[in-house]
Amino acid sequence: MLILTRKSGESITIGDDVKITVVEVKGKQVRIGIEAPRSYIIHREEVYICIQEENRRAAEESPLSLAGLKNLLGKL
């Protein structure tokens, strides 16, 4: 993990496409701004984890397993 120190108004760039700016530091909270192409999907970590868990559950509960899909396609 790379750890950098930044003050309010200072930025970090990632590659040519992403810029992260410290907008405000207030007590123990830091507000950041992220400039990135719209094609990049950006989530807070807790939201990302929930999405991944929901995707795993949906895949496990899917009524169309690979075997079921083969059977369905074989009948066409």
C-alpha atoms as a PDB file:
ATOM      1  CA  MET A   1       0.000   0.000   0.000  1.00  0.00           C
ATOM      2  CA  LEU A   2       1.294   3.421  -0.932  1.00  0.00           C
ATOM      3  CA  ILE A   3       0.636   6.025   1.766  1.00  0.00           C
ATOM      4  CA  LEU A   4       0.758   9.703   0.830  1.00  0.00           C
ATOM      5  CA  THR A   5       0.162  12.827   2.892  1.00  0.00           C
ATOM      6  CA  ARG A   6      -1.938  15.574   1.327  1.00  0.00           C
ATOM      7  CA  LYS A   7      -3.452  18.804   2.621  1.00  0.00           C
ATOM      8  CA  SER A   8      -6.803  20.308   1.717  1.00  0.00           C
ATOM      9  CA  GLY A   9      -6.758  21.365  -1.936  1.00  0.00           C
ATOM     10  CA  GLU A  10      -3.884  19.036  -2.850  1.00  0.00           C
ATOM     11  CA  SER A  11      -4.286  16.154  -5.300  1.00  0.00           C
ATOM     12  CA  ILE A  12      -2.994  12.735  -6.266  1.00  0.00           C
ATOM     13  CA  THR A  13      -3.069  11.456  -9.833  1.00  0.00           C
ATOM     14  CA  ILE A  14      -3.400   7.825 -10.846  1.00  0.00           C
ATOM     15  CA  GLY A  15      -2.274   7.183 -14.383  1.00  0.00           C
ATOM     16  CA  ASP A  16      -3.451   9.711 -16.950  1.00  0.00           C
ATOM     17  CA  ASP A  17      -7.154   9.385 -16.174  1.00  0.00           C
ATOM     18  CA  VAL A  18      -7.785   9.674 -12.429  1.00  0.00           C
ATOM     19  CA  LYS A  19      -7.283  12.645 -10.110  1.00  0.00           C
ATOM     20  CA  ILE A  20      -8.121  12.491  -6.397  1.00  0.00           C
ATOM     21  CA  THR A  21      -8.316  15.804  -4.536  1.00  0.00           C
ATOM     22  CA  VAL A  22      -8.584  16.387  -0.796  1.00  0.00           C
ATOM     23  CA  VAL A  23     -11.538  18.790  -0.647  1.00  0.00           C
ATOM     24  CA  GLU A  24     -11.839  19.260   3.110  1.00  0.00           C
ATOM     25  CA  VAL A  25     -10.446  17.913   6.366  1.00  0.00           C
ATOM     26  CA  LYS A  26     -12.808  18.276   9.314  1.00  0.00           C
ATOM     27  CA  GLY A  27     -11.909  16.467  12.538  1.00  0.00           C
ATOM     28  CA  LYS A  28     -11.568  12.770  11.707  1.00  0.00           C
ATOM     29  CA  GLN A  29     -13.351  13.081   8.364  1.00  0.00           C
ATOM     30  CA  VAL A  30     -11.770  13.774   5.004  1.00  0.00           C
ATOM     31  CA  ARG A  31     -13.832  14.777   1.973  1.00  0.00           C
ATOM     32  CA  ILE A  32     -12.283  13.777  -1.317  1.00  0.00           C
ATOM     33  CA  GLY A  33     -13.183  14.531  -4.898  1.00  0.00           C
ATOM     34  CA  ILE A  34     -12.524  12.044  -7.673  1.00  0.00           C
ATOM     35  CA  GLU A  35     -12.179  13.003 -11.329  1.00  0.00           C
ATOM     36  CA  ALA A  36     -12.279   9.953 -13.583  1.00  0.00           C
ATOM     37  CA  PRO A  37     -13.786   8.939 -16.919  1.00  0.00           C
ATOM     38  CA  ARG A  38     -17.472   8.014 -16.705  1.00  0.00           C
ATOM     39  CA  SER A  39     -16.577   4.480 -17.791  1.00  0.00           C
ATOM     40  CA  TYR A  40     -14.856   3.920 -14.399  1.00  0.00           C
ATOM     41  CA  ILE A  41     -17.108   2.497 -11.704  1.00  0.00           C
ATOM     42  CA  ILE A  42     -16.355   4.083  -8.326  1.00  0.00           C
ATOM     43  CA  HIS A  43     -17.981   2.970  -5.048  1.00  0.00           C
ATOM     44  CA  ARG A  44     -17.322   3.408  -1.364  1.00  0.00           C
ATOM     45  CA  GLU A  45     -15.777   0.167  -0.105  1.00  0.00           C
ATOM     46  CA  GLU A  46     -18.798  -0.841   1.987  1.00  0.00           C
ATOM     47  CA  VAL A  47     -21.102  -0.401  -1.030  1.00  0.00           C
ATOM     48  CA  TYR A  48     -18.717  -2.389  -3.244  1.00  0.00           C
ATOM     49  CA  ILE A  49     -18.643  -5.250  -0.719  1.00  0.00           C
ATOM     50  CA  CYS A  50     -22.467  -5.340  -0.601  1.00  0.00           C
ATOM     51  CA  ILE A  51     -22.649  -5.441  -4.407  1.00  0.00           C
ATOM     52  CA  GLN A  52     -20.144  -8.308  -4.543  1.00  0.00           C
ATOM     53  CA  GLU A  53     -22.042 -10.271  -1.870  1.00  0.00           C
ATOM     54  CA  GLU A  54     -25.345  -9.741  -3.679  1.00  0.00           C
ATOM     55  CA  ASN A  55     -23.799 -10.868  -6.979  1.00  0.00           C
ATOM     56  CA  ARG A  56     -22.455 -14.029  -5.310  1.00  0.00           C
ATOM     57  CA  ARG A  57     -25.864 -14.804  -3.797  1.00  0.00           C
ATOM     58  CA  ALA A  58     -27.609 -14.222  -7.115  1.00  0.00           C
ATOM     59  CA  ALA A  59     -25.178 -16.544  -8.895  1.00  0.00           C
ATOM     60  CA  GLU A  60     -25.646 -19.285  -6.290  1.00  0.00           C
ATOM     61  CA  GLU A  61     -29.452 -19.044  -6.343  1.00  0.00           C
ATOM     62  CA  SER A  62     -29.747 -18.858 -10.104  1.00  0.00           C
ATOM     63  CA  PRO A  63     -32.297 -21.407 -11.354  1.00  0.00           C
ATOM     64  CA  LEU A  64     -30.313 -21.723 -14.571  1.00  0.00           C
ATOM     65  CA  SER A  65     -27.246 -23.693 -13.635  1.00  0.00           C
ATOM     66  CA  LEU A  66     -24.791 -24.584 -16.366  1.00  0.00           C
ATOM     67  CA  ALA A  67     -26.313 -28.076 -16.605  1.00  0.00           C
ATOM     68  CA  GLY A  68     -29.818 -26.601 -16.712  1.00  0.00           C
ATOM     69  CA  LEU A  69     -28.780 -24.199 -19.421  1.00  0.00           C
ATOM     70  CA  LYS A  70     -27.315 -27.054 -21.494  1.00  0.00           C
ATOM     71  CA  ASN A  71     -30.578 -28.974 -21.151  1.00  0.00           C
ATOM     72  CA  LEU A  72     -32.605 -25.921 -22.126  1.00  0.00           C
ATOM     73  CA  LEU A  73     -30.432 -25.232 -25.183  1.00  0.00           C
ATOM     74  CA  GLY A  74     -30.479 -28.902 -26.166  1.00  0.00           C
ATOM     75  CA  LYS A  75     -34.282 -28.812 -26.452  1.00  0.00           C
ATOM     76  CA  LEU A  76     -34.239 -25.935 -28.957  1.00  0.00           C
END
